[in-house]
Amino acid sequence: MQQSVKILDISKVTHNVRRYEVEKPEGFRFEPGQATELSIDRNGWRERKNPFTFTALNDWDHLEFTIKSYFDHDGVTRQLWELNPGDRLILRDPWGTITYRGPGTFIAGGAGVTPFIAILRQLEKDGKLAGHRLIVSNHRADDIILRDEFEAMEGLEVTWTLTDDPNATGVLHERIDENFLKRHVRDISQNFYLCGPDPMVKELRGTLEGLGASTEALTWEK
């Protein structure tokens, strides 16, 4: 199923990430962490589909997407940056395998944090955030998505690490690798949720399993 929906509002999140509030069709539902394929409802772009995660909650009266734009080529995310409220997108059915399976640690690289936004917002709304942790790696401090919101979530332990911003304070300056996990993850038997660039996720899966994590305890986009 696909349908055309109007963009209601666009706002800045970071220097290359924007929040898009979009019309919500009646009865439309998704699981927090799921995504859909969006297209721009405009000639030449309707068949150019990109996957984007829902970052709203189901009880909101609109849908929301938190999207990083890439300007090195003329793709969907660059075109999205040029849109305005009133423009339209083509919305399709939800899909995805990053769904919540119980307390654990969420590990993200850059915009890979977006599938975790709705999950953590729902846990906060339900008063069930205690015992969860979010670890996110970015290049620079100004790349961090929703830093203030995550840090304000009561019960959520948040760790930021940067790989290319040595003067930034209040963060770690480490790559998320085996040594990092040995130092910073206390319980290897917990659930782990992984999202980021494919090489990062592949490496983390192998590293966590090598440290003793159960394959069944690892959740990533398959």
N, C-alpha and C. Protein backbone atom coordinates (compact mmCIF):
# COMPACT_ATOMS: atom_id res chain seq x y z
N MET A 1 0.84 -1.19 0.00
CA MET A 1 0.00 0.00 0.00
C MET A 1 0.88 1.24 0.00
N GLN A 2 0.48 2.24 -0.75
CA GLN A 2 1.17 3.52 -0.69
C GLN A 2 0.15 4.64 -0.83
N GLN A 3 0.46 5.77 -0.20
CA GLN A 3 -0.44 6.91 -0.28
C GLN A 3 0.35 8.20 -0.12
N SER A 4 -0.19 9.26 -0.67
CA SER A 4 0.45 10.56 -0.62
C SER A 4 0.05 11.28 0.67
N VAL A 5 1.06 11.81 1.38
CA VAL A 5 0.80 12.53 2.63
C VAL A 5 1.53 13.87 2.59
N LYS A 6 0.96 14.85 3.26
CA LYS A 6 1.50 16.21 3.25
C LYS A 6 2.50 16.41 4.38
N ILE A 7 3.57 17.13 4.09
CA ILE A 7 4.50 17.56 5.14
C ILE A 7 3.86 18.72 5.89
N LEU A 8 3.75 18.57 7.22
CA LEU A 8 3.12 19.59 8.05
C LEU A 8 4.12 20.61 8.58
N ASP A 9 5.33 20.14 8.90
CA ASP A 9 6.32 21.04 9.48
C ASP A 9 7.71 20.43 9.29
N ILE A 10 8.71 21.29 9.17
CA ILE A 10 10.10 20.88 9.07
C ILE A 10 10.91 21.72 10.04
N SER A 11 11.76 21.08 10.85
CA SER A 11 12.56 21.82 11.82
C SER A 11 13.97 21.25 11.89
N LYS A 12 14.90 22.07 12.34
CA LYS A 12 16.31 21.70 12.41
C LYS A 12 16.58 20.83 13.63
N VAL A 13 17.38 19.78 13.45
CA VAL A 13 17.87 18.97 14.55
C VAL A 13 19.38 19.17 14.71
N THR A 14 20.14 19.01 13.62
CA THR A 14 21.57 19.33 13.59
C THR A 14 21.85 20.05 12.28
N HIS A 15 23.14 20.27 12.00
CA HIS A 15 23.52 20.96 10.77
C HIS A 15 23.13 20.20 9.51
N ASN A 16 22.91 18.88 9.61
CA ASN A 16 22.50 18.12 8.42
C ASN A 16 21.36 17.14 8.69
N VAL A 17 20.66 17.35 9.79
CA VAL A 17 19.51 16.51 10.15
C VAL A 17 18.30 17.39 10.40
N ARG A 18 17.18 16.98 9.85
CA ARG A 18 15.92 17.71 10.06
C ARG A 18 14.82 16.77 10.52
N ARG A 19 13.87 17.35 11.22
CA ARG A 19 12.67 16.64 11.66
C ARG A 19 11.53 17.00 10.72
N TYR A 20 10.89 15.96 10.17
CA TYR A 20 9.77 16.15 9.25
C TYR A 20 8.50 15.63 9.91
N GLU A 21 7.57 16.52 10.18
CA GLU A 21 6.25 16.12 10.68
C GLU A 21 5.32 15.96 9.49
N VAL A 22 4.65 14.82 9.43
CA VAL A 22 3.91 14.42 8.23
C VAL A 22 2.50 13.97 8.62
N GLU A 23 1.56 14.19 7.72
CA GLU A 23 0.20 13.70 7.93
C GLU A 23 0.18 12.21 8.26
N LYS A 24 -0.71 11.83 9.16
CA LYS A 24 -0.83 10.43 9.54
C LYS A 24 -2.16 9.88 9.02
N PRO A 25 -2.14 8.92 8.10
CA PRO A 25 -3.39 8.35 7.60
C PRO A 25 -4.19 7.69 8.73
N GLU A 26 -5.46 7.72 8.62
CA GLU A 26 -6.32 7.14 9.65
C GLU A 26 -6.02 5.65 9.82
N GLY A 27 -5.81 5.23 11.06
CA GLY A 27 -5.57 3.83 11.36
C GLY A 27 -4.15 3.36 11.12
N PHE A 28 -3.26 4.25 10.69
CA PHE A 28 -1.89 3.85 10.39
C PHE A 28 -1.13 3.59 11.69
N ARG A 29 -0.48 2.42 11.78
CA ARG A 29 0.27 2.06 12.98
C ARG A 29 1.58 1.38 12.59
N PHE A 30 2.52 1.41 13.53
CA PHE A 30 3.84 0.80 13.34
C PHE A 30 4.38 0.41 14.71
N GLU A 31 5.38 -0.45 14.70
CA GLU A 31 6.07 -0.79 15.93
C GLU A 31 7.25 0.18 16.10
N PRO A 32 7.47 0.73 17.31
CA PRO A 32 8.65 1.59 17.50
C PRO A 32 9.92 0.87 17.05
N GLY A 33 10.71 1.54 16.23
CA GLY A 33 11.90 0.95 15.64
C GLY A 33 11.72 0.57 14.18
N GLN A 34 10.47 0.48 13.74
CA GLN A 34 10.23 0.12 12.35
C GLN A 34 10.44 1.32 11.42
N ALA A 35 10.54 1.00 10.13
CA ALA A 35 10.77 2.01 9.11
C ALA A 35 9.73 1.86 8.00
N THR A 36 9.80 2.76 7.04
CA THR A 36 9.01 2.65 5.82
C THR A 36 9.87 3.14 4.66
N GLU A 37 9.43 2.91 3.47
CA GLU A 37 10.09 3.49 2.30
C GLU A 37 9.32 4.73 1.87
N LEU A 38 10.02 5.86 1.83
CA LEU A 38 9.43 7.12 1.42
C LEU A 38 9.93 7.54 0.06
N SER A 39 9.07 8.20 -0.67
CA SER A 39 9.45 8.87 -1.91
C SER A 39 8.93 10.29 -1.86
N ILE A 40 9.53 11.15 -2.66
CA ILE A 40 9.02 12.51 -2.82
C ILE A 40 7.95 12.49 -3.89
N ASP A 41 6.78 13.03 -3.59
CA ASP A 41 5.64 12.98 -4.51
C ASP A 41 5.78 14.10 -5.54
N ARG A 42 6.68 13.83 -6.48
CA ARG A 42 7.01 14.84 -7.49
C ARG A 42 7.56 14.10 -8.71
N ASN A 43 7.30 14.63 -9.88
CA ASN A 43 7.76 13.98 -11.11
C ASN A 43 9.26 13.71 -11.06
N GLY A 44 9.63 12.48 -11.42
CA GLY A 44 11.02 12.09 -11.43
C GLY A 44 11.53 11.51 -10.13
N TRP A 45 10.71 11.59 -9.07
CA TRP A 45 11.16 11.12 -7.76
C TRP A 45 10.23 10.10 -7.13
N ARG A 46 9.07 9.85 -7.69
CA ARG A 46 8.10 8.97 -7.05
C ARG A 46 8.60 7.53 -6.92
N GLU A 47 9.46 7.09 -7.82
CA GLU A 47 9.98 5.72 -7.77
C GLU A 47 11.33 5.62 -7.06
N ARG A 48 11.85 6.75 -6.59
CA ARG A 48 13.12 6.75 -5.86
C ARG A 48 12.81 6.55 -4.38
N LYS A 49 12.88 5.32 -3.93
CA LYS A 49 12.45 4.97 -2.56
C LYS A 49 13.66 4.86 -1.63
N ASN A 50 13.54 5.47 -0.45
CA ASN A 50 14.57 5.34 0.58
C ASN A 50 13.92 4.90 1.89
N PRO A 51 14.60 4.06 2.68
CA PRO A 51 14.04 3.66 3.98
C PRO A 51 14.32 4.71 5.05
N PHE A 52 13.28 5.03 5.82
CA PHE A 52 13.42 5.97 6.94
C PHE A 52 12.61 5.45 8.12
N THR A 53 13.15 5.65 9.31
CA THR A 53 12.52 5.16 10.53
C THR A 53 11.48 6.15 11.06
N PHE A 54 10.38 5.60 11.55
CA PHE A 54 9.40 6.44 12.26
C PHE A 54 10.00 6.86 13.60
N THR A 55 9.95 8.14 13.91
CA THR A 55 10.44 8.60 15.21
C THR A 55 9.33 9.17 16.08
N ALA A 56 8.10 9.13 15.60
CA ALA A 56 6.95 9.51 16.41
C ALA A 56 6.51 8.31 17.26
N LEU A 57 5.51 8.52 18.08
CA LEU A 57 4.84 7.43 18.78
C LEU A 57 3.47 7.22 18.15
N ASN A 58 2.91 6.03 18.36
CA ASN A 58 1.63 5.72 17.72
C ASN A 58 0.48 6.60 18.20
N ASP A 59 0.57 7.12 19.41
CA ASP A 59 -0.55 7.93 19.90
C ASP A 59 -0.43 9.40 19.50
N TRP A 60 0.60 9.76 18.75
CA TRP A 60 0.68 11.12 18.22
C TRP A 60 -0.29 11.25 17.05
N ASP A 61 -0.70 12.48 16.78
CA ASP A 61 -1.67 12.69 15.70
C ASP A 61 -0.99 12.91 14.35
N HIS A 62 0.34 12.77 14.32
CA HIS A 62 1.08 12.91 13.07
C HIS A 62 2.23 11.91 13.07
N LEU A 63 2.81 11.67 11.91
CA LEU A 63 4.03 10.89 11.80
C LEU A 63 5.24 11.82 11.86
N GLU A 64 6.37 11.26 12.25
CA GLU A 64 7.59 12.05 12.29
C GLU A 64 8.76 11.22 11.77
N PHE A 65 9.64 11.86 11.03
CA PHE A 65 10.87 11.24 10.55
C PHE A 65 12.03 12.19 10.88
N THR A 66 13.11 11.65 11.41
CA THR A 66 14.29 12.42 11.73
C THR A 66 15.38 11.97 10.76
N ILE A 67 15.70 12.82 9.78
CA ILE A 67 16.44 12.37 8.59
C ILE A 67 17.71 13.19 8.39
N LYS A 68 18.81 12.46 8.21
CA LYS A 68 20.08 13.09 7.86
C LYS A 68 20.17 13.22 6.34
N SER A 69 20.54 14.39 5.87
CA SER A 69 20.69 14.61 4.44
C SER A 69 22.16 14.52 4.04
N TYR A 70 22.38 13.92 2.88
CA TYR A 70 23.73 13.78 2.32
C TYR A 70 23.81 14.63 1.06
N PHE A 71 24.81 15.50 1.01
CA PHE A 71 24.89 16.50 -0.06
C PHE A 71 25.94 16.18 -1.11
N ASP A 72 26.56 14.99 -1.00
CA ASP A 72 27.61 14.65 -1.95
C ASP A 72 27.06 14.05 -3.25
N HIS A 73 25.75 13.83 -3.30
CA HIS A 73 25.12 13.38 -4.54
C HIS A 73 23.66 13.80 -4.51
N ASP A 74 23.01 13.82 -5.67
CA ASP A 74 21.63 14.31 -5.76
C ASP A 74 20.67 13.16 -5.54
N GLY A 75 20.57 12.73 -4.28
CA GLY A 75 19.67 11.64 -3.91
C GLY A 75 18.45 12.15 -3.18
N VAL A 76 17.68 11.20 -2.63
CA VAL A 76 16.43 11.55 -1.95
C VAL A 76 16.68 12.46 -0.76
N THR A 77 17.71 12.19 0.04
CA THR A 77 17.89 13.00 1.25
C THR A 77 18.28 14.44 0.90
N ARG A 78 19.02 14.62 -0.18
CA ARG A 78 19.34 15.99 -0.60
C ARG A 78 18.08 16.71 -1.08
N GLN A 79 17.25 16.01 -1.81
CA GLN A 79 15.99 16.61 -2.27
C GLN A 79 15.07 16.93 -1.10
N LEU A 80 15.05 16.06 -0.09
CA LEU A 80 14.22 16.33 1.10
C LEU A 80 14.60 17.66 1.75
N TRP A 81 15.89 17.96 1.75
CA TRP A 81 16.38 19.19 2.37
C TRP A 81 15.77 20.43 1.70
N GLU A 82 15.41 20.28 0.43
CA GLU A 82 14.88 21.42 -0.33
C GLU A 82 13.36 21.58 -0.18
N LEU A 83 12.70 20.62 0.49
CA LEU A 83 11.25 20.67 0.59
C LEU A 83 10.78 21.65 1.65
N ASN A 84 9.49 21.95 1.59
CA ASN A 84 8.85 22.88 2.53
C ASN A 84 7.54 22.28 3.02
N PRO A 85 7.03 22.76 4.15
CA PRO A 85 5.69 22.34 4.56
C PRO A 85 4.70 22.57 3.43
N GLY A 86 3.82 21.59 3.23
CA GLY A 86 2.87 21.63 2.12
C GLY A 86 3.27 20.72 0.99
N ASP A 87 4.57 20.46 0.85
CA ASP A 87 5.01 19.46 -0.14
C ASP A 87 4.57 18.08 0.33
N ARG A 88 4.62 17.11 -0.58
CA ARG A 88 4.05 15.81 -0.27
C ARG A 88 5.08 14.68 -0.45
N LEU A 89 4.89 13.63 0.36
CA LEU A 89 5.70 12.43 0.29
C LEU A 89 4.79 11.24 0.00
N ILE A 90 5.36 10.18 -0.53
CA ILE A 90 4.62 8.93 -0.71
C ILE A 90 5.02 7.99 0.42
N LEU A 91 4.04 7.58 1.19
CA LEU A 91 4.23 6.72 2.37
C LEU A 91 3.83 5.29 2.03
N ARG A 92 4.63 4.34 2.48
CA ARG A 92 4.34 2.93 2.27
C ARG A 92 4.20 2.20 3.60
N ASP A 93 3.94 0.90 3.55
CA ASP A 93 3.72 0.12 4.76
C ASP A 93 4.98 0.06 5.63
N PRO A 94 4.80 -0.06 6.95
CA PRO A 94 5.97 -0.20 7.84
C PRO A 94 6.60 -1.58 7.73
N TRP A 95 7.91 -1.65 8.00
CA TRP A 95 8.63 -2.90 8.01
C TRP A 95 9.86 -2.72 8.91
N GLY A 96 10.56 -3.81 9.19
CA GLY A 96 11.80 -3.69 9.93
C GLY A 96 11.91 -4.71 11.05
N THR A 97 13.15 -4.97 11.46
CA THR A 97 13.39 -5.98 12.49
C THR A 97 13.98 -5.41 13.77
N ILE A 98 14.19 -4.09 13.84
CA ILE A 98 14.65 -3.52 15.09
C ILE A 98 13.44 -3.19 15.94
N THR A 99 12.99 -4.17 16.69
CA THR A 99 11.87 -3.99 17.62
C THR A 99 12.33 -4.36 19.01
N TYR A 100 11.67 -3.82 20.00
CA TYR A 100 12.09 -3.95 21.39
C TYR A 100 11.86 -5.36 21.91
N ARG A 101 12.90 -5.92 22.57
CA ARG A 101 12.83 -7.28 23.09
C ARG A 101 13.14 -7.36 24.57
N GLY A 102 13.30 -6.21 25.22
CA GLY A 102 13.59 -6.21 26.65
C GLY A 102 14.75 -5.30 26.97
N PRO A 103 14.99 -5.03 28.26
CA PRO A 103 16.05 -4.10 28.66
C PRO A 103 17.41 -4.50 28.11
N GLY A 104 18.22 -3.48 27.82
CA GLY A 104 19.55 -3.75 27.30
C GLY A 104 20.25 -2.47 26.89
N THR A 105 21.27 -2.63 26.05
CA THR A 105 22.08 -1.52 25.59
C THR A 105 21.89 -1.29 24.10
N PHE A 106 21.64 -0.04 23.75
CA PHE A 106 21.47 0.38 22.36
C PHE A 106 22.79 1.02 21.91
N ILE A 107 23.37 0.50 20.82
CA ILE A 107 24.63 1.02 20.30
C ILE A 107 24.42 1.50 18.88
N ALA A 108 24.77 2.77 18.63
CA ALA A 108 24.51 3.37 17.32
C ALA A 108 25.72 4.09 16.80
N GLY A 109 25.82 4.14 15.49
CA GLY A 109 26.79 4.97 14.80
C GLY A 109 26.08 6.05 14.03
N GLY A 110 26.30 7.31 14.38
CA GLY A 110 25.72 8.43 13.66
C GLY A 110 24.21 8.39 13.59
N ALA A 111 23.68 8.51 12.35
CA ALA A 111 22.23 8.51 12.15
C ALA A 111 21.61 7.14 12.43
N GLY A 112 22.43 6.14 12.73
CA GLY A 112 21.90 4.85 13.15
C GLY A 112 21.14 4.90 14.45
N VAL A 113 21.19 6.03 15.13
CA VAL A 113 20.42 6.17 16.37
C VAL A 113 18.92 6.32 16.09
N THR A 114 18.53 6.66 14.85
CA THR A 114 17.13 6.99 14.60
C THR A 114 16.15 5.85 14.88
N PRO A 115 16.47 4.56 14.61
CA PRO A 115 15.49 3.52 14.97
C PRO A 115 15.26 3.39 16.47
N PHE A 116 16.18 3.95 17.27
CA PHE A 116 16.05 3.84 18.71
C PHE A 116 15.21 4.96 19.31
N ILE A 117 14.97 6.01 18.53
CA ILE A 117 14.29 7.19 19.08
C ILE A 117 12.89 6.84 19.56
N ALA A 118 12.09 6.22 18.70
CA ALA A 118 10.71 5.89 19.09
C ALA A 118 10.69 4.84 20.20
N ILE A 119 11.62 3.87 20.15
CA ILE A 119 11.66 2.85 21.19
C ILE A 119 11.91 3.49 22.55
N LEU A 120 12.91 4.36 22.63
CA LEU A 120 13.25 4.99 23.90
C LEU A 120 12.18 5.98 24.33
N ARG A 121 11.57 6.68 23.39
CA ARG A 121 10.47 7.58 23.75
C ARG A 121 9.28 6.81 24.33
N GLN A 122 9.00 5.64 23.74
CA GLN A 122 7.89 4.83 24.25
C GLN A 122 8.21 4.30 25.65
N LEU A 123 9.44 3.83 25.85
CA LEU A 123 9.83 3.35 27.18
C LEU A 123 9.75 4.48 28.20
N GLU A 124 10.17 5.68 27.82
CA GLU A 124 10.06 6.82 28.74
C GLU A 124 8.59 7.10 29.07
N LYS A 125 7.75 7.11 28.05
CA LYS A 125 6.33 7.37 28.27
C LYS A 125 5.71 6.34 29.21
N ASP A 126 6.17 5.08 29.09
CA ASP A 126 5.62 4.01 29.92
C ASP A 126 6.30 3.91 31.28
N GLY A 127 7.30 4.76 31.54
CA GLY A 127 8.02 4.72 32.81
C GLY A 127 8.90 3.50 32.97
N LYS A 128 9.45 3.00 31.84
CA LYS A 128 10.21 1.75 31.87
C LYS A 128 11.64 1.91 31.34
N LEU A 129 12.21 3.12 31.47
CA LEU A 129 13.54 3.36 30.92
C LEU A 129 14.67 2.86 31.83
N ALA A 130 14.42 2.72 33.10
CA ALA A 130 15.47 2.32 34.03
C ALA A 130 16.09 1.00 33.57
N GLY A 131 17.43 0.93 33.62
CA GLY A 131 18.12 -0.29 33.22
C GLY A 131 18.51 -0.33 31.76
N HIS A 132 18.24 0.74 31.02
CA HIS A 132 18.62 0.82 29.61
C HIS A 132 19.79 1.78 29.43
N ARG A 133 20.58 1.51 28.39
CA ARG A 133 21.73 2.37 28.11
C ARG A 133 21.80 2.65 26.62
N LEU A 134 22.23 3.87 26.29
CA LEU A 134 22.43 4.29 24.91
C LEU A 134 23.88 4.69 24.73
N ILE A 135 24.56 4.05 23.78
CA ILE A 135 25.94 4.40 23.42
C ILE A 135 25.95 4.81 21.96
N VAL A 136 26.42 6.02 21.68
CA VAL A 136 26.40 6.53 20.31
C VAL A 136 27.76 7.09 19.94
N SER A 137 28.25 6.69 18.77
CA SER A 137 29.49 7.23 18.22
C SER A 137 29.18 8.19 17.08
N ASN A 138 29.84 9.34 17.10
CA ASN A 138 29.75 10.32 16.02
C ASN A 138 31.14 10.83 15.71
N HIS A 139 31.26 11.53 14.59
CA HIS A 139 32.54 12.16 14.28
C HIS A 139 32.78 13.36 15.18
N ARG A 140 31.79 14.26 15.23
CA ARG A 140 31.95 15.51 15.97
C ARG A 140 30.74 15.77 16.86
N ALA A 141 30.92 16.67 17.83
CA ALA A 141 29.84 16.95 18.77
C ALA A 141 28.62 17.52 18.06
N ASP A 142 28.83 18.32 17.00
CA ASP A 142 27.66 18.90 16.34
C ASP A 142 26.92 17.90 15.45
N ASP A 143 27.43 16.66 15.37
CA ASP A 143 26.72 15.60 14.65
C ASP A 143 25.72 14.86 15.55
N ILE A 144 25.79 15.06 16.86
CA ILE A 144 24.96 14.28 17.79
C ILE A 144 23.50 14.64 17.61
N ILE A 145 22.68 13.63 17.43
CA ILE A 145 21.24 13.79 17.20
C ILE A 145 20.48 13.70 18.52
N LEU A 146 19.67 14.73 18.81
CA LEU A 146 18.79 14.77 19.98
C LEU A 146 19.53 14.58 21.30
N ARG A 147 20.71 15.17 21.40
CA ARG A 147 21.50 15.01 22.63
C ARG A 147 20.73 15.45 23.87
N ASP A 148 20.14 16.64 23.82
CA ASP A 148 19.44 17.15 24.99
C ASP A 148 18.27 16.25 25.39
N GLU A 149 17.53 15.76 24.40
CA GLU A 149 16.38 14.91 24.71
C GLU A 149 16.83 13.61 25.36
N PHE A 150 17.82 12.95 24.79
CA PHE A 150 18.28 11.69 25.37
C PHE A 150 18.83 11.88 26.78
N GLU A 151 19.61 12.94 26.98
CA GLU A 151 20.19 13.16 28.30
C GLU A 151 19.14 13.51 29.35
N ALA A 152 17.99 14.01 28.91
CA ALA A 152 16.92 14.36 29.85
C ALA A 152 16.01 13.17 30.17
N MET A 153 16.18 12.03 29.47
CA MET A 153 15.32 10.87 29.71
C MET A 153 15.68 10.21 31.05
N GLU A 154 14.76 10.28 31.98
CA GLU A 154 15.02 9.77 33.32
C GLU A 154 15.17 8.25 33.30
N GLY A 155 16.28 7.77 33.82
CA GLY A 155 16.52 6.34 33.89
C GLY A 155 17.41 5.81 32.78
N LEU A 156 17.64 6.61 31.73
CA LEU A 156 18.48 6.17 30.61
C LEU A 156 19.92 6.60 30.85
N GLU A 157 20.84 5.65 30.79
CA GLU A 157 22.26 5.94 30.88
C GLU A 157 22.77 6.22 29.47
N VAL A 158 23.38 7.38 29.26
CA VAL A 158 23.79 7.80 27.92
C VAL A 158 25.30 7.98 27.87
N THR A 159 25.92 7.42 26.84
CA THR A 159 27.36 7.58 26.61
C THR A 159 27.59 8.04 25.18
N TRP A 160 28.24 9.20 25.03
CA TRP A 160 28.61 9.70 23.71
C TRP A 160 30.10 9.48 23.52
N THR A 161 30.51 9.08 22.33
CA THR A 161 31.92 9.00 22.01
C THR A 161 32.15 9.59 20.62
N LEU A 162 33.22 10.35 20.48
CA LEU A 162 33.52 11.05 19.24
C LEU A 162 34.87 10.60 18.71
N THR A 163 34.96 10.49 17.39
CA THR A 163 36.19 10.00 16.78
C THR A 163 36.99 11.10 16.09
N ASP A 164 36.45 12.32 15.98
CA ASP A 164 37.15 13.36 15.21
C ASP A 164 36.89 14.75 15.79
N ASP A 165 36.86 14.85 17.10
CA ASP A 165 36.58 16.14 17.75
C ASP A 165 37.30 16.17 19.10
N PRO A 166 38.65 16.21 19.09
CA PRO A 166 39.42 16.01 20.31
C PRO A 166 39.21 17.06 21.39
N ASN A 167 38.69 18.22 21.03
CA ASN A 167 38.51 19.28 22.02
C ASN A 167 37.13 19.28 22.67
N ALA A 168 36.24 18.41 22.20
CA ALA A 168 34.89 18.36 22.77
C ALA A 168 34.96 17.81 24.19
N THR A 169 34.15 18.38 25.07
CA THR A 169 34.13 17.97 26.47
C THR A 169 32.84 17.22 26.79
N GLY A 170 32.87 16.46 27.88
CA GLY A 170 31.69 15.73 28.33
C GLY A 170 31.39 14.49 27.52
N VAL A 171 32.37 14.03 26.74
CA VAL A 171 32.19 12.86 25.89
C VAL A 171 33.46 12.01 25.96
N LEU A 172 33.36 10.78 25.46
CA LEU A 172 34.55 9.96 25.28
C LEU A 172 35.15 10.24 23.91
N HIS A 173 36.39 9.84 23.73
CA HIS A 173 37.06 9.99 22.44
C HIS A 173 37.65 8.64 22.07
N GLU A 174 36.76 7.69 21.82
CA GLU A 174 37.18 6.32 21.58
C GLU A 174 36.34 5.71 20.47
N ARG A 175 36.92 4.78 19.78
CA ARG A 175 36.18 3.98 18.81
C ARG A 175 35.47 2.85 19.55
N ILE A 176 34.26 2.49 19.12
CA ILE A 176 33.54 1.40 19.77
C ILE A 176 34.06 0.08 19.20
N ASP A 177 35.02 -0.50 19.91
CA ASP A 177 35.61 -1.76 19.49
C ASP A 177 35.67 -2.70 20.68
N GLU A 178 36.43 -3.77 20.57
CA GLU A 178 36.48 -4.76 21.64
C GLU A 178 36.96 -4.15 22.95
N ASN A 179 38.01 -3.35 22.89
CA ASN A 179 38.52 -2.74 24.11
C ASN A 179 37.50 -1.81 24.75
N PHE A 180 36.81 -1.05 23.92
CA PHE A 180 35.76 -0.16 24.42
C PHE A 180 34.70 -0.96 25.16
N LEU A 181 34.22 -2.03 24.53
CA LEU A 181 33.16 -2.82 25.13
C LEU A 181 33.62 -3.48 26.43
N LYS A 182 34.85 -3.93 26.47
CA LYS A 182 35.37 -4.53 27.71
C LYS A 182 35.40 -3.51 28.84
N ARG A 183 35.73 -2.26 28.53
CA ARG A 183 35.84 -1.22 29.56
C ARG A 183 34.48 -0.67 29.98
N HIS A 184 33.55 -0.59 29.04
CA HIS A 184 32.35 0.20 29.31
C HIS A 184 31.06 -0.61 29.42
N VAL A 185 31.08 -1.88 29.08
CA VAL A 185 29.86 -2.70 29.18
C VAL A 185 30.06 -3.72 30.29
N ARG A 186 29.24 -3.62 31.31
CA ARG A 186 29.42 -4.45 32.50
C ARG A 186 28.81 -5.83 32.35
N ASP A 187 27.69 -5.93 31.64
CA ASP A 187 26.96 -7.20 31.56
C ASP A 187 26.85 -7.63 30.10
N ILE A 188 27.59 -8.65 29.73
CA ILE A 188 27.59 -9.10 28.34
C ILE A 188 26.41 -10.01 28.05
N SER A 189 25.64 -10.38 29.07
CA SER A 189 24.51 -11.29 28.86
C SER A 189 23.21 -10.56 28.54
N GLN A 190 23.23 -9.25 28.50
CA GLN A 190 22.02 -8.46 28.27
C GLN A 190 21.66 -8.43 26.79
N ASN A 191 20.52 -7.80 26.48
CA ASN A 191 20.15 -7.54 25.09
C ASN A 191 21.00 -6.40 24.53
N PHE A 192 21.35 -6.53 23.25
CA PHE A 192 22.05 -5.46 22.55
C PHE A 192 21.29 -5.13 21.26
N TYR A 193 21.10 -3.83 21.03
CA TYR A 193 20.43 -3.33 19.82
C TYR A 193 21.47 -2.53 19.04
N LEU A 194 21.68 -2.88 17.79
CA LEU A 194 22.77 -2.31 17.00
C LEU A 194 22.23 -1.65 15.74
N CYS A 195 22.72 -0.44 15.44
CA CYS A 195 22.35 0.19 14.17
C CYS A 195 23.41 1.22 13.80
N GLY A 196 23.79 1.21 12.55
CA GLY A 196 24.79 2.14 12.05
C GLY A 196 25.26 1.67 10.69
N PRO A 197 26.40 2.17 10.23
CA PRO A 197 26.95 1.70 8.96
C PRO A 197 27.14 0.18 8.99
N ASP A 198 26.89 -0.47 7.86
CA ASP A 198 26.95 -1.94 7.81
C ASP A 198 28.26 -2.52 8.35
N PRO A 199 29.43 -1.96 7.98
CA PRO A 199 30.67 -2.53 8.51
C PRO A 199 30.76 -2.44 10.03
N MET A 200 30.25 -1.35 10.60
CA MET A 200 30.26 -1.19 12.06
C MET A 200 29.39 -2.24 12.72
N VAL A 201 28.18 -2.43 12.20
CA VAL A 201 27.26 -3.40 12.79
C VAL A 201 27.81 -4.81 12.68
N LYS A 202 28.37 -5.14 11.52
CA LYS A 202 28.95 -6.47 11.34
C LYS A 202 30.09 -6.71 12.33
N GLU A 203 30.95 -5.70 12.49
CA GLU A 203 32.07 -5.85 13.42
C GLU A 203 31.57 -5.98 14.86
N LEU A 204 30.58 -5.17 15.24
CA LEU A 204 30.06 -5.23 16.61
C LEU A 204 29.41 -6.58 16.90
N ARG A 205 28.69 -7.11 15.93
CA ARG A 205 28.08 -8.42 16.15
C ARG A 205 29.15 -9.47 16.44
N GLY A 206 30.19 -9.49 15.62
CA GLY A 206 31.25 -10.46 15.83
C GLY A 206 31.98 -10.25 17.15
N THR A 207 32.22 -8.98 17.48
CA THR A 207 32.93 -8.67 18.72
C THR A 207 32.11 -9.07 19.94
N LEU A 208 30.82 -8.73 19.94
CA LEU A 208 29.97 -9.07 21.08
C LEU A 208 29.84 -10.58 21.24
N GLU A 209 29.69 -11.29 20.14
CA GLU A 209 29.61 -12.75 20.23
C GLU A 209 30.93 -13.32 20.74
N GLY A 210 32.05 -12.74 20.31
CA GLY A 210 33.35 -13.19 20.79
C GLY A 210 33.55 -12.95 22.27
N LEU A 211 32.87 -11.93 22.79
CA LEU A 211 32.96 -11.63 24.22
C LEU A 211 31.99 -12.46 25.05
N GLY A 212 31.11 -13.22 24.36
CA GLY A 212 30.20 -14.10 25.08
C GLY A 212 28.74 -13.76 24.96
N ALA A 213 28.40 -12.72 24.19
CA ALA A 213 26.99 -12.37 24.02
C ALA A 213 26.28 -13.45 23.20
N SER A 214 25.04 -13.74 23.54
CA SER A 214 24.25 -14.71 22.80
C SER A 214 23.77 -14.10 21.48
N THR A 215 23.82 -14.88 20.43
CA THR A 215 23.32 -14.40 19.14
C THR A 215 21.86 -13.98 19.24
N GLU A 216 21.09 -14.71 20.03
CA GLU A 216 19.66 -14.40 20.19
C GLU A 216 19.44 -13.07 20.92
N ALA A 217 20.47 -12.58 21.61
CA ALA A 217 20.34 -11.32 22.35
C ALA A 217 20.72 -10.11 21.51
N LEU A 218 21.13 -10.33 20.26
CA LEU A 218 21.54 -9.24 19.38
C LEU A 218 20.43 -8.91 18.41
N THR A 219 20.03 -7.65 18.35
CA THR A 219 19.00 -7.19 17.42
C THR A 219 19.60 -6.16 16.49
N TRP A 220 19.46 -6.36 15.19
CA TRP A 220 19.93 -5.40 14.21
C TRP A 220 19.03 -5.51 12.98
N GLU A 221 19.15 -4.56 12.07
CA GLU A 221 18.33 -4.57 10.87
C GLU A 221 18.87 -5.60 9.91
N LYS A 222 18.09 -6.62 9.63
CA LYS A 222 18.52 -7.73 8.76
C LYS A 222 18.08 -7.49 7.32
